[in-house]
Amino acid sequence: MGTTVVWLRDDLRVADNPALYEAARRGGQTAVLFVFDESSDIRPLGGAARWWMHYSLQSLDAQLREIGGRLILRRGVAVDVVKQLIVETGAKAVLWNRRYGLHERNADSGLKDWSRDNGIDAQSFQANLLFEPWQVQTGQGENYKVFTPFWRACLAQPEPREPVPAPSSLKAVKMAGTEKSDHLDTWALLPTSPDWAGGLRSEWTPGEPGAHRRLTEFFDERLIGYSEGRERPSQESTSRLSPHLRFGEVSPFQIWHAARTSRTVGIDDEIQTFGAEIGWREFCWHLLYHNPRLATESYRREFDAFAWEHDTAEEVRAWCRGRTGYPMVDAGMRQLWETGWMHNRVRMITASFLTKNLLVDWRAGEQWFWDTLVDADAANNPANWQWVAGSGADAAPYFRIFNPVTQSIKFDSAGRYLRRFLPELTGLDDAAIHRPWTDSKRAPDYPEPIVDLAESRQRALAAYAKVKNRGTAG
């Protein structure tokens, strides 16, 4: 019945939170802590993620107060802050849900050692992945490098556990003075000069309630036709759960079992397709667990010698601003800047254009997405960039170069997506909008293409062929 510290990280929810559930089950007082981690080994959050985290923490505190708890906010080197709170409160236990990055695992392991040496009960729980990375291996005891056999092996595992309920009540730890928790506003997570987050505010509702509205809406309204509709950026066909998953406002266990209970006649294929998207997220975290430098080092080491172009600052700037002259690329980049999110099909197109048509190092694109995506996380962001660039596990074939014009015609034939984010092209007809440089009317405010697709494709194929041959020879 002593005090328990619950240390929350990327699990900002009350329901299906095993650490919080266990603290409530034990009784006694509970100190629910979130630390704005300033450890030197932790990658600083991008601007869009900081915006999301502000409102997610605000929402979580409100939910905790409804059941008698509260959220304690502090900043600093996280493990040191946790230890300090344990000493301050006289806690006898500290609980958390597991993380999978190397530095995070080392920090958690160090806290367990310190807790054991000081007579503190320290426990961690599986909450953020359906399948633990060390539990899914090949028959030869090796780590999977290709998605399809990985996901098949996951599906052969025992069924993921049922979500645990939210605690009905908590007893907040009694601490003297409000100074024991930081004021969220003092963390300055929101942009002010300028305030560029207007589009994010109109697009998203961070927090657990917003996550569950998205979840319910998807299974009630969007699941039928998902397999085909998810490829079309002008349609609201995807779940849009990715930022909620990134911050742990909804758990993969909740999504898994929501899918299982949504089975009706004619949607089994849709469930399997959507399930594979959850599986890809698991695969990315599996890769990060076994390859901690996934955001900075090529998974395929032969790409260390790849001939990336270096004098590309002007082209990269045009790509970031959505001014490449290719409408599908530019619409995607402007959607990203305006809403903090980009349709998955368009993410592949924009990433392919940067890494293959412009031959820009994938790390430059990964960093821009890290700063501008509300759903950028430590595993999915670099793994997906490396997949497109060809340097990653289960990567796209080196000769697969997305043509932004043909992709635009195929997946946005009427130009609805293009017109939403490229207002300067609204006057062009459905044929010309995909190739505005061919229209006699032109669009005076829209740029000429910054690179020739055919020439840049051949240049990329030659560069990739050299790496492929080097890898084969090695």
Protein backbone atom coordinates (compact mmCIF):
# COMPACT_ATOMS: atom_id res chain seq x y z
CA MET A 1 0.00 0.00 0.00
CA GLY A 2 3.04 2.28 -0.29
CA THR A 3 3.47 4.93 -2.95
CA THR A 4 4.07 3.81 -6.53
CA VAL A 5 5.69 5.93 -9.24
CA VAL A 6 4.36 5.33 -12.75
CA TRP A 7 6.76 6.70 -15.35
CA LEU A 8 4.97 7.41 -18.63
CA ARG A 9 6.75 8.03 -21.93
CA ASP A 10 5.24 7.21 -25.34
CA ASP A 11 2.14 5.74 -23.68
CA LEU A 12 -0.01 8.78 -22.93
CA ARG A 13 -3.25 6.95 -22.21
CA VAL A 14 -5.30 5.70 -19.28
CA ALA A 15 -6.92 2.64 -20.86
CA ASP A 16 -4.77 -0.39 -21.71
CA ASN A 17 -1.87 1.07 -19.79
CA PRO A 18 -0.46 -1.95 -17.89
CA ALA A 19 1.86 0.11 -15.69
CA LEU A 20 -0.95 2.44 -14.60
CA TYR A 21 -3.36 -0.48 -14.21
CA GLU A 22 -0.91 -2.33 -11.95
CA ALA A 23 -0.36 0.76 -9.81
CA ALA A 24 -4.11 1.13 -9.28
CA ARG A 25 -4.42 -2.57 -8.47
CA ARG A 26 -1.79 -2.27 -5.76
CA GLY A 27 -3.60 0.55 -4.04
CA GLY A 28 -1.85 3.25 -2.08
CA GLN A 29 -0.84 6.57 -3.56
CA THR A 30 0.31 6.89 -7.16
CA ALA A 31 2.67 9.47 -8.62
CA VAL A 32 2.15 9.55 -12.39
CA LEU A 33 5.22 11.16 -13.94
CA PHE A 34 6.14 12.42 -17.39
CA VAL A 35 9.65 13.72 -17.98
CA PHE A 36 10.63 16.05 -20.81
CA ASP A 37 13.81 14.06 -21.33
CA GLU A 38 16.91 16.19 -21.85
CA SER A 39 19.35 13.27 -21.89
CA SER A 40 22.10 13.87 -24.43
CA ASP A 41 21.50 10.46 -26.02
CA ILE A 42 17.81 11.10 -26.71
CA ARG A 43 16.94 12.56 -30.12
CA PRO A 44 15.20 15.91 -29.64
CA LEU A 45 11.59 15.98 -30.82
CA GLY A 46 10.71 17.75 -34.04
CA GLY A 47 8.52 20.84 -34.00
CA ALA A 48 5.31 19.07 -35.03
CA ALA A 49 5.79 16.34 -32.43
CA ARG A 50 6.39 18.95 -29.72
CA TRP A 51 3.11 20.60 -30.68
CA TRP A 52 1.29 17.27 -30.43
CA MET A 53 2.92 16.34 -27.13
CA HIS A 54 1.73 19.59 -25.50
CA TYR A 55 -1.92 18.84 -26.15
CA SER A 56 -1.57 15.12 -25.49
CA LEU A 57 -0.13 15.80 -22.02
CA GLN A 58 -2.86 18.35 -21.38
CA SER A 59 -5.50 15.76 -22.28
CA LEU A 60 -3.86 13.05 -20.19
CA ASP A 61 -3.75 15.23 -17.09
CA ALA A 62 -7.47 15.98 -17.47
CA GLN A 63 -8.26 12.26 -17.72
CA LEU A 64 -6.16 11.41 -14.69
CA ARG A 65 -7.88 14.09 -12.64
CA GLU A 66 -11.27 12.58 -13.50
CA ILE A 67 -10.26 9.41 -11.63
CA GLY A 68 -8.51 11.13 -8.73
CA GLY A 69 -4.98 11.30 -10.08
CA ARG A 70 -2.83 13.98 -11.65
CA LEU A 71 0.15 14.22 -13.97
CA ILE A 72 3.48 15.36 -12.58
CA LEU A 73 5.59 17.13 -15.19
CA ARG A 74 9.34 17.55 -14.89
CA ARG A 75 12.26 18.03 -17.24
CA GLY A 76 15.87 16.96 -17.13
CA VAL A 77 17.81 13.72 -17.51
CA ALA A 78 14.89 11.34 -17.19
CA VAL A 79 16.37 8.58 -15.03
CA ASP A 80 17.76 11.12 -12.56
CA VAL A 81 14.37 12.81 -12.37
CA VAL A 82 12.63 9.49 -11.71
CA LYS A 83 15.08 8.62 -8.94
CA GLN A 84 14.56 12.03 -7.37
CA LEU A 85 10.77 11.60 -7.34
CA ILE A 86 11.08 8.15 -5.79
CA VAL A 87 13.17 9.62 -2.97
CA GLU A 88 10.84 12.62 -2.53
CA THR A 89 7.71 10.49 -2.26
CA GLY A 90 9.24 7.57 -0.39
CA ALA A 91 7.90 5.31 -3.14
CA LYS A 92 8.36 1.58 -2.78
CA ALA A 93 7.76 0.75 -6.44
CA VAL A 94 8.34 2.23 -9.90
CA LEU A 95 6.50 0.93 -12.95
CA TRP A 96 6.75 1.68 -16.66
CA ASN A 97 5.92 0.30 -20.09
CA ARG A 98 8.83 -0.90 -22.19
CA ARG A 99 10.72 1.06 -24.83
CA TYR A 100 12.86 -0.42 -27.58
CA GLY A 101 15.55 2.08 -28.62
CA LEU A 102 19.05 1.28 -27.37
CA HIS A 103 19.54 4.39 -25.20
CA GLU A 104 16.05 4.04 -23.75
CA ARG A 105 16.63 0.37 -22.93
CA ASN A 106 19.93 1.17 -21.30
CA ALA A 107 18.29 3.89 -19.20
CA ASP A 108 15.51 1.55 -18.12
CA SER A 109 17.99 -1.19 -17.29
CA GLY A 110 20.06 1.22 -15.21
CA LEU A 111 16.96 2.30 -13.30
CA LYS A 112 16.12 -1.33 -12.55
CA ASP A 113 19.64 -1.89 -11.18
CA TRP A 114 19.43 1.24 -9.01
CA SER A 115 15.98 0.25 -7.77
CA ARG A 116 17.14 -3.23 -6.82
CA ASP A 117 20.11 -1.81 -4.94
CA ASN A 118 17.80 0.55 -3.05
CA GLY A 119 15.05 -1.89 -2.19
CA ILE A 120 12.60 -0.51 -4.75
CA ASP A 121 10.34 -2.82 -6.72
CA ALA A 122 10.85 -1.98 -10.41
CA GLN A 123 8.73 -3.61 -13.11
CA SER A 124 8.23 -3.04 -16.82
CA PHE A 125 5.35 -4.16 -19.02
CA GLN A 126 4.61 -4.94 -22.65
CA ALA A 127 2.29 -2.21 -23.83
CA ASN A 128 3.45 -0.66 -27.08
CA LEU A 129 4.22 -3.62 -29.37
CA LEU A 130 2.10 -6.70 -30.00
CA PHE A 131 5.18 -8.91 -30.27
CA GLU A 132 8.41 -8.38 -28.37
CA PRO A 133 11.41 -8.10 -30.74
CA TRP A 134 13.36 -10.84 -28.98
CA GLN A 135 10.46 -13.28 -29.32
CA VAL A 136 10.20 -13.25 -33.12
CA GLN A 137 13.12 -15.00 -34.84
CA THR A 138 13.70 -17.34 -37.74
CA GLY A 139 14.01 -21.09 -37.27
CA GLN A 140 17.79 -20.55 -37.24
CA GLY A 141 17.51 -18.07 -34.37
CA GLU A 142 18.24 -15.05 -36.58
CA ASN A 143 16.45 -11.74 -36.87
CA TYR A 144 14.05 -11.23 -39.75
CA LYS A 145 15.14 -8.95 -42.58
CA VAL A 146 12.07 -9.36 -44.82
CA PHE A 147 8.59 -8.29 -43.81
CA THR A 148 6.37 -11.08 -45.15
CA PRO A 149 8.02 -13.99 -43.29
CA PHE A 150 8.36 -11.74 -40.22
CA TRP A 151 4.64 -11.01 -40.13
CA ARG A 152 3.80 -14.64 -40.84
CA ALA A 153 5.90 -15.62 -37.83
CA CYS A 154 4.13 -13.00 -35.70
CA LEU A 155 0.73 -14.34 -36.68
CA ALA A 156 1.87 -17.83 -35.66
CA GLN A 157 2.51 -16.53 -32.12
CA PRO A 158 -0.18 -16.75 -29.41
CA GLU A 159 -2.97 -14.21 -29.81
CA PRO A 160 -2.00 -10.80 -28.38
CA ARG A 161 -3.45 -10.18 -24.94
CA GLU A 162 -6.75 -8.41 -24.38
CA PRO A 163 -6.51 -4.70 -23.48
CA VAL A 164 -6.64 -3.99 -19.76
CA PRO A 165 -9.31 -1.54 -18.56
CA ALA A 166 -8.65 1.98 -17.40
CA PRO A 167 -8.40 2.31 -13.60
CA SER A 168 -11.67 3.38 -12.07
CA SER A 169 -9.83 5.47 -9.47
CA LEU A 170 -6.38 6.56 -8.39
CA LYS A 171 -5.06 8.12 -5.21
CA ALA A 172 -2.80 10.97 -6.21
CA VAL A 173 0.37 11.23 -4.17
CA LYS A 174 0.23 14.07 -1.65
CA MET A 175 3.05 16.52 -2.29
CA ALA A 176 3.46 19.93 -0.72
CA GLY A 177 3.32 22.81 -3.13
CA THR A 178 2.45 23.11 -6.79
CA GLU A 179 6.14 23.62 -7.56
CA LYS A 180 6.51 19.85 -7.43
CA SER A 181 5.22 19.78 -11.03
CA ASP A 182 6.26 22.02 -13.90
CA HIS A 183 3.64 24.10 -15.65
CA LEU A 184 3.24 22.73 -19.17
CA ASP A 185 3.37 26.18 -20.73
CA THR A 186 6.89 26.72 -19.38
CA TRP A 187 8.15 23.95 -21.67
CA ALA A 188 7.44 26.18 -24.68
CA LEU A 189 6.39 23.27 -26.89
CA LEU A 190 4.04 25.37 -29.01
CA PRO A 191 5.26 27.59 -31.87
CA THR A 192 4.79 31.30 -31.32
CA SER A 193 6.99 33.36 -33.65
CA PRO A 194 5.48 32.54 -36.02
CA ASP A 195 2.61 30.31 -35.01
CA TRP A 196 2.68 27.85 -37.91
CA ALA A 197 0.35 25.30 -36.27
CA GLY A 198 -3.04 26.56 -37.47
CA GLY A 199 -3.38 23.72 -39.96
CA LEU A 200 -2.45 21.17 -37.31
CA ARG A 201 -5.09 22.51 -34.93
CA SER A 202 -7.80 22.26 -37.58
CA GLU A 203 -6.75 18.74 -38.60
CA TRP A 204 -6.08 16.94 -35.31
CA THR A 205 -7.32 16.37 -31.78
CA PRO A 206 -4.38 15.03 -29.78
CA GLY A 207 -5.14 12.89 -26.74
CA GLU A 208 -6.75 9.57 -25.90
CA PRO A 209 -10.36 10.67 -26.55
CA GLY A 210 -9.37 11.90 -30.02
CA ALA A 211 -7.59 8.62 -30.68
CA HIS A 212 -10.64 6.56 -29.86
CA ARG A 213 -12.88 8.74 -31.98
CA ARG A 214 -10.53 8.05 -34.90
CA LEU A 215 -10.52 4.33 -34.11
CA THR A 216 -14.30 4.09 -33.94
CA GLU A 217 -14.77 6.20 -37.05
CA PHE A 218 -12.37 4.05 -39.04
CA PHE A 219 -13.96 0.72 -38.20
CA ASP A 220 -17.50 2.07 -38.50
CA GLU A 221 -17.11 4.14 -41.68
CA ARG A 222 -13.87 3.51 -43.57
CA LEU A 223 -12.93 -0.14 -43.30
CA ILE A 224 -15.10 -1.26 -46.21
CA GLY A 225 -13.13 -0.42 -49.33
CA TYR A 226 -9.95 0.26 -47.36
CA SER A 227 -7.67 -1.90 -49.54
CA GLU A 228 -8.37 0.17 -52.63
CA GLY A 229 -9.25 3.50 -51.08
CA ARG A 230 -6.05 3.75 -49.02
CA GLU A 231 -4.09 4.26 -52.25
CA ARG A 232 -6.00 7.42 -53.21
CA PRO A 233 -4.79 10.55 -51.42
CA SER A 234 -7.93 12.54 -52.20
CA GLN A 235 -10.09 10.10 -50.23
CA GLU A 236 -10.49 9.91 -46.46
CA SER A 237 -9.88 6.17 -46.48
CA THR A 238 -7.00 5.61 -44.08
CA SER A 239 -7.26 5.29 -40.31
CA ARG A 240 -5.14 8.37 -39.47
CA LEU A 241 -4.22 6.61 -36.24
CA SER A 242 -0.47 6.95 -36.76
CA PRO A 243 0.16 10.03 -34.55
CA HIS A 244 -2.06 8.59 -31.82
CA LEU A 245 -0.04 5.36 -31.96
CA ARG A 246 3.21 7.31 -31.95
CA PHE A 247 2.32 8.97 -28.64
CA GLY A 248 0.62 5.89 -27.24
CA GLU A 249 -2.83 7.47 -26.97
CA VAL A 250 -4.16 4.20 -28.34
CA SER A 251 -2.39 0.86 -28.05
CA PRO A 252 -1.79 -1.72 -30.78
CA PHE A 253 -3.65 -4.20 -28.57
CA GLN A 254 -6.75 -2.00 -28.65
CA ILE A 255 -6.51 -1.72 -32.43
CA TRP A 256 -5.87 -5.46 -32.87
CA HIS A 257 -8.92 -6.48 -30.87
CA ALA A 258 -11.10 -3.75 -32.39
CA ALA A 259 -10.26 -5.30 -35.75
CA ARG A 260 -11.09 -8.76 -34.48
CA THR A 261 -14.51 -7.68 -33.23
CA SER A 262 -15.24 -5.80 -36.46
CA ARG A 263 -15.39 -8.93 -38.57
CA THR A 264 -18.51 -8.89 -40.72
CA VAL A 265 -19.33 -10.52 -44.02
CA GLY A 266 -17.12 -9.29 -46.84
CA ILE A 267 -14.41 -7.40 -44.94
CA ASP A 268 -11.95 -10.15 -43.99
CA ASP A 269 -9.61 -9.02 -46.76
CA GLU A 270 -9.81 -5.44 -45.53
CA ILE A 271 -8.96 -6.56 -41.98
CA GLN A 272 -5.95 -8.49 -43.24
CA THR A 273 -4.72 -5.53 -45.28
CA PHE A 274 -5.11 -3.15 -42.36
CA GLY A 275 -3.52 -5.71 -40.03
CA ALA A 276 -0.47 -5.84 -42.27
CA GLU A 277 -0.06 -2.08 -41.79
CA ILE A 278 0.07 -2.67 -38.03
CA GLY A 279 2.50 -5.49 -38.82
CA TRP A 280 4.76 -3.12 -40.75
CA ARG A 281 4.95 -0.88 -37.67
CA GLU A 282 5.97 -3.91 -35.62
CA PHE A 283 8.60 -4.79 -38.25
CA CYS A 284 10.10 -1.30 -38.12
CA TRP A 285 10.48 -1.50 -34.34
CA HIS A 286 11.93 -5.00 -34.72
CA LEU A 287 14.54 -3.49 -37.06
CA LEU A 288 15.35 -0.62 -34.68
CA TYR A 289 15.72 -2.95 -31.72
CA HIS A 290 18.39 -4.93 -33.54
CA ASN A 291 19.86 -1.93 -35.41
CA PRO A 292 19.91 1.01 -32.98
CA ARG A 293 21.51 3.44 -35.44
CA LEU A 294 18.77 3.05 -38.00
CA ALA A 295 18.31 6.84 -38.31
CA THR A 296 21.98 7.55 -38.97
CA GLU A 297 23.51 4.46 -40.62
CA SER A 298 22.48 2.57 -43.73
CA TYR A 299 21.08 -0.84 -42.88
CA ARG A 300 22.84 -2.19 -45.96
CA ARG A 301 26.39 -1.12 -45.34
CA GLU A 302 27.33 -1.11 -49.03
CA PHE A 303 25.31 2.11 -49.22
CA ASP A 304 27.99 3.83 -47.14
CA ALA A 305 29.80 4.33 -50.45
CA PHE A 306 26.74 5.45 -52.42
CA ALA A 307 27.34 8.49 -54.64
CA TRP A 308 24.81 10.88 -53.13
CA GLU A 309 24.83 14.36 -54.63
CA HIS A 310 26.11 16.96 -52.17
CA ASP A 311 25.61 20.28 -53.98
CA THR A 312 21.85 20.05 -53.64
CA ALA A 313 20.86 22.75 -51.15
CA GLU A 314 18.69 24.61 -53.68
CA GLU A 315 16.92 21.41 -54.81
CA VAL A 316 16.34 20.28 -51.23
CA ARG A 317 14.88 23.69 -50.39
CA ALA A 318 12.50 23.42 -53.34
CA TRP A 319 11.48 19.93 -52.23
CA CYS A 320 10.83 21.04 -48.65
CA ARG A 321 8.72 23.99 -49.80
CA GLY A 322 6.73 22.03 -52.39
CA ARG A 323 8.24 23.93 -55.32
CA THR A 324 9.77 21.13 -57.45
CA GLY A 325 7.45 21.64 -60.44
CA TYR A 326 5.97 18.16 -60.08
CA PRO A 327 2.43 18.51 -58.67
CA MET A 328 2.17 15.22 -56.78
CA VAL A 329 5.47 15.85 -55.00
CA ASP A 330 4.59 19.45 -54.25
CA ALA A 331 1.07 18.68 -53.04
CA GLY A 332 2.47 16.10 -50.63
CA MET A 333 5.10 18.42 -49.24
CA ARG A 334 2.56 21.20 -48.75
CA GLN A 335 0.13 18.80 -47.09
CA LEU A 336 2.96 17.89 -44.73
CA TRP A 337 3.72 21.50 -43.85
CA GLU A 338 0.07 22.47 -43.49
CA THR A 339 -1.24 19.46 -41.54
CA GLY A 340 1.81 17.68 -40.10
CA TRP A 341 0.86 14.53 -42.00
CA MET A 342 1.11 13.11 -45.50
CA HIS A 343 -0.76 10.32 -47.24
CA ASN A 344 1.34 7.14 -47.32
CA ARG A 345 1.29 6.73 -51.10
CA VAL A 346 2.52 10.30 -51.45
CA ARG A 347 5.21 9.76 -48.80
CA MET A 348 6.70 7.09 -51.04
CA ILE A 349 6.52 9.36 -54.09
CA THR A 350 8.13 12.34 -52.37
CA ALA A 351 10.84 10.19 -50.77
CA SER A 352 11.63 8.48 -54.08
CA PHE A 353 11.89 11.85 -55.82
CA LEU A 354 14.36 13.16 -53.24
CA THR A 355 16.57 10.09 -53.01
CA LYS A 356 16.46 8.90 -56.61
CA ASN A 357 15.59 11.76 -58.93
CA LEU A 358 17.67 14.24 -56.93
CA LEU A 359 20.12 11.68 -55.45
CA VAL A 360 19.91 13.37 -52.05
CA ASP A 361 21.00 11.31 -49.04
CA TRP A 362 17.95 9.73 -47.39
CA ARG A 363 19.05 11.14 -44.02
CA ALA A 364 18.21 14.68 -45.20
CA GLY A 365 14.64 13.63 -45.98
CA GLU A 366 14.33 11.62 -42.79
CA GLN A 367 15.34 14.66 -40.73
CA TRP A 368 12.81 16.92 -42.49
CA PHE A 369 10.03 14.42 -41.88
CA TRP A 370 11.19 14.04 -38.28
CA ASP A 371 10.72 17.76 -37.77
CA THR A 372 7.43 18.19 -39.64
CA LEU A 373 5.44 14.97 -39.13
CA VAL A 374 3.17 14.61 -36.12
CA ASP A 375 3.60 10.83 -36.38
CA ALA A 376 7.39 10.62 -36.85
CA ASP A 377 8.79 8.01 -34.50
CA ALA A 378 12.24 6.55 -33.98
CA ALA A 379 11.53 3.33 -35.89
CA ASN A 380 9.01 3.99 -38.66
CA ASN A 381 10.54 7.21 -39.93
CA PRO A 382 14.08 5.94 -40.66
CA ALA A 383 12.96 2.43 -41.65
CA ASN A 384 10.54 3.79 -44.24
CA TRP A 385 13.07 6.24 -45.62
CA GLN A 386 15.64 3.49 -45.97
CA TRP A 387 13.03 1.26 -47.61
CA VAL A 388 12.43 3.82 -50.33
CA ALA A 389 16.10 4.71 -50.69
CA GLY A 390 17.02 1.06 -51.15
CA SER A 391 19.45 0.99 -48.23
CA GLY A 392 17.09 -0.67 -45.76
CA ALA A 393 15.75 -4.09 -44.88
CA ASP A 394 13.25 -5.54 -47.33
CA ALA A 395 13.93 -2.45 -49.43
CA ALA A 396 12.18 -1.48 -52.63
CA PRO A 397 14.17 -2.76 -55.64
CA TYR A 398 16.80 -0.26 -56.69
CA PHE A 399 15.22 0.04 -60.12
CA ARG A 400 11.85 1.04 -58.63
CA ILE A 401 11.70 4.79 -59.07
CA PHE A 402 8.28 6.30 -58.55
CA ASN A 403 7.33 8.51 -61.48
CA PRO A 404 5.39 11.38 -59.86
CA VAL A 405 3.43 12.09 -63.05
CA THR A 406 2.22 8.56 -63.72
CA GLN A 407 1.54 8.06 -60.00
CA SER A 408 -0.49 11.26 -59.98
CA ILE A 409 -2.57 10.20 -62.98
CA LYS A 410 -3.13 6.72 -61.57
CA PHE A 411 -4.08 7.64 -58.01
CA ASP A 412 -5.52 11.18 -58.39
CA SER A 413 -6.82 11.19 -61.94
CA ALA A 414 -9.30 14.03 -61.37
CA GLY A 415 -6.67 16.11 -59.57
CA ARG A 416 -8.74 16.59 -56.41
CA TYR A 417 -5.78 16.09 -54.09
CA LEU A 418 -3.59 18.34 -56.23
CA ARG A 419 -6.15 21.15 -56.28
CA ARG A 420 -6.56 21.05 -52.51
CA PHE A 421 -2.90 21.78 -51.83
CA LEU A 422 -1.85 23.56 -55.03
CA PRO A 423 -4.41 26.36 -55.47
CA GLU A 424 -2.32 27.94 -58.24
CA LEU A 425 -3.19 24.95 -60.45
CA THR A 426 -6.95 24.96 -59.92
CA GLY A 427 -7.56 26.55 -63.33
CA LEU A 428 -5.95 23.67 -65.25
CA ASP A 429 -8.07 20.83 -66.59
CA ASP A 430 -7.81 17.24 -65.34
CA ALA A 431 -5.23 16.30 -67.96
CA ALA A 432 -2.96 19.33 -67.75
CA ILE A 433 -2.86 19.50 -63.94
CA HIS A 434 -0.55 16.48 -63.81
CA ARG A 435 1.86 18.10 -66.31
CA PRO A 436 1.35 21.85 -65.91
CA TRP A 437 4.45 22.70 -67.96
CA THR A 438 2.73 21.31 -71.07
CA ASP A 439 -0.34 23.56 -70.85
CA SER A 440 -0.40 26.64 -73.04
CA LYS A 441 -2.19 28.62 -70.31
CA ARG A 442 0.55 27.75 -67.84
CA ALA A 443 0.29 28.71 -64.20
CA PRO A 444 2.46 31.79 -63.61
CA ASP A 445 2.90 31.17 -59.88
CA TYR A 446 3.92 27.53 -60.28
CA PRO A 447 7.60 26.62 -60.90
CA GLU A 448 9.13 24.79 -63.82
CA PRO A 449 10.34 21.24 -63.05
CA ILE A 450 13.69 21.37 -61.27
CA VAL A 451 14.91 18.13 -62.85
CA ASP A 452 14.15 16.05 -65.93
CA LEU A 453 12.50 12.78 -64.90
CA ALA A 454 13.97 10.63 -67.67
CA GLU A 455 17.52 11.92 -67.28
CA SER A 456 17.47 11.75 -63.47
CA ARG A 457 16.05 8.24 -63.62
CA GLN A 458 18.96 7.04 -65.76
CA ARG A 459 21.45 8.76 -63.49
CA ALA A 460 19.90 7.05 -60.45
CA LEU A 461 19.86 3.63 -62.10
CA ALA A 462 23.55 3.94 -62.90
CA ALA A 463 24.44 4.98 -59.34
CA TYR A 464 22.33 2.21 -57.80
CA ALA A 465 23.74 -0.40 -60.18
CA LYS A 466 27.23 0.38 -58.90
CA VAL A 467 26.15 -0.21 -55.32
CA LYS A 468 24.31 -3.39 -56.26
CA ASN A 469 27.38 -4.73 -58.03
CA ARG A 470 29.59 -3.78 -55.10
CA GLY A 471 27.27 -5.58 -52.70
CA THR A 472 27.21 -8.66 -54.92
CA ALA A 473 30.99 -8.66 -55.20
CA GLY A 474 31.32 -8.28 -51.44
